[in-house]
Amino acid sequence: MMAASDSRHFARISDFAYRFSPFEMSTEERGALHAKNERMHVATLLRGVEFYTRLIAAM
């Protein structure tokens, strides 16, 4: 699963490029994506990891 900004490059060649991100980011964090010194808050990262942990466990 890729973030929407990456999945657009794969949508033409795969039916399985999902356009969502589990990371609830502030405007500040979204502005830092793919920028010089790309970053996000640790708490944001941990919530996203928890989402994937629950998703995989449910499969």
C-alpha atoms as a PDB file:
ATOM      1  CA  MET A   1       0.000   0.000   0.000  1.00  0.00           C
ATOM      2  CA  MET A   2       1.424   3.296  -0.998  1.00  0.00           C
ATOM      3  CA  ALA A   3       0.617   6.873  -0.157  1.00  0.00           C
ATOM      4  CA  ALA A   4      -1.473   8.676  -2.748  1.00  0.00           C
ATOM      5  CA  SER A   5       1.485  10.702  -3.978  1.00  0.00           C
ATOM      6  CA  ASP A   6       3.328   7.504  -4.917  1.00  0.00           C
ATOM      7  CA  SER A   7       0.442   5.333  -6.102  1.00  0.00           C
ATOM      8  CA  ARG A   8      -0.379   7.607  -9.039  1.00  0.00           C
ATOM      9  CA  HIS A   9       2.788   6.335 -10.725  1.00  0.00           C
ATOM     10  CA  PHE A  10       1.679   2.696 -10.424  1.00  0.00           C
ATOM     11  CA  ALA A  11      -2.063   2.989 -11.134  1.00  0.00           C
ATOM     12  CA  ARG A  12      -1.534   2.500 -14.882  1.00  0.00           C
ATOM     13  CA  ILE A  13       0.241  -0.847 -14.418  1.00  0.00           C
ATOM     14  CA  SER A  14      -1.511  -2.366 -11.401  1.00  0.00           C
ATOM     15  CA  ASP A  15      -5.059  -2.727 -10.114  1.00  0.00           C
ATOM     16  CA  PHE A  16      -3.661  -2.953  -6.595  1.00  0.00           C
ATOM     17  CA  ALA A  17      -2.214   0.507  -5.988  1.00  0.00           C
ATOM     18  CA  TYR A  18      -4.291   1.850  -3.119  1.00  0.00           C
ATOM     19  CA  ARG A  19      -4.572   5.615  -2.811  1.00  0.00           C
ATOM     20  CA  PHE A  20      -4.649   6.187   0.902  1.00  0.00           C
ATOM     21  CA  SER A  21      -2.318   6.769   3.784  1.00  0.00           C
ATOM     22  CA  PRO A  22      -2.935   5.685   7.369  1.00  0.00           C
ATOM     23  CA  PHE A  23      -1.045   8.700   8.658  1.00  0.00           C
ATOM     24  CA  GLU A  24      -3.189  11.501  10.105  1.00  0.00           C
ATOM     25  CA  MET A  25      -0.946  14.462   9.374  1.00  0.00           C
ATOM     26  CA  SER A  26      -1.172  18.128  10.179  1.00  0.00           C
ATOM     27  CA  THR A  27      -0.883  20.727   7.437  1.00  0.00           C
ATOM     28  CA  GLU A  28       2.713  21.278   8.553  1.00  0.00           C
ATOM     29  CA  GLU A  29       3.545  17.572   8.198  1.00  0.00           C
ATOM     30  CA  ARG A  30       1.878  17.294   4.766  1.00  0.00           C
ATOM     31  CA  GLY A  31       3.921  20.284   3.609  1.00  0.00           C
ATOM     32  CA  ALA A  32       7.127  18.503   4.643  1.00  0.00           C
ATOM     33  CA  LEU A  33       6.432  15.385   2.538  1.00  0.00           C
ATOM     34  CA  HIS A  34       8.814  14.972  -0.385  1.00  0.00           C
ATOM     35  CA  ALA A  35      10.538  18.206   0.623  1.00  0.00           C
ATOM     36  CA  LYS A  36      14.106  18.829   1.664  1.00  0.00           C
ATOM     37  CA  ASN A  37      14.474  17.359   5.167  1.00  0.00           C
ATOM     38  CA  GLU A  38      11.282  15.283   4.802  1.00  0.00           C
ATOM     39  CA  ARG A  39       9.855  14.412   8.206  1.00  0.00           C
ATOM     40  CA  MET A  40       6.807  13.641  10.340  1.00  0.00           C
ATOM     41  CA  HIS A  41       6.188  13.574  14.066  1.00  0.00           C
ATOM     42  CA  VAL A  42       7.049  10.326  15.854  1.00  0.00           C
ATOM     43  CA  ALA A  43       3.489  10.092  17.249  1.00  0.00           C
ATOM     44  CA  THR A  44       2.104  10.286  13.693  1.00  0.00           C
ATOM     45  CA  LEU A  45       4.433   7.504  12.571  1.00  0.00           C
ATOM     46  CA  LEU A  46       3.499   5.290  15.508  1.00  0.00           C
ATOM     47  CA  ARG A  47      -0.245   5.690  14.818  1.00  0.00           C
ATOM     48  CA  GLY A  48       0.366   4.666  11.198  1.00  0.00           C
ATOM     49  CA  VAL A  49       2.388   1.634  12.284  1.00  0.00           C
ATOM     50  CA  GLU A  50      -0.442   0.656  14.645  1.00  0.00           C
ATOM     51  CA  PHE A  51      -2.894   0.854  11.739  1.00  0.00           C
ATOM     52  CA  TYR A  52      -0.792  -1.533   9.643  1.00  0.00           C
ATOM     53  CA  THR A  53      -0.313  -3.856  12.629  1.00  0.00           C
ATOM     54  CA  ARG A  54      -4.089  -4.112  13.116  1.00  0.00           C
ATOM     55  CA  LEU A  55      -4.683  -4.504   9.367  1.00  0.00           C
ATOM     56  CA  ILE A  56      -2.238  -7.387   9.025  1.00  0.00           C
ATOM     57  CA  ALA A  57      -3.536  -9.092  12.170  1.00  0.00           C
ATOM     58  CA  ALA A  58      -7.083  -8.942  10.783  1.00  0.00           C
ATOM     59  CA  MET A  59      -6.113 -10.716   7.542  1.00  0.00           C
END
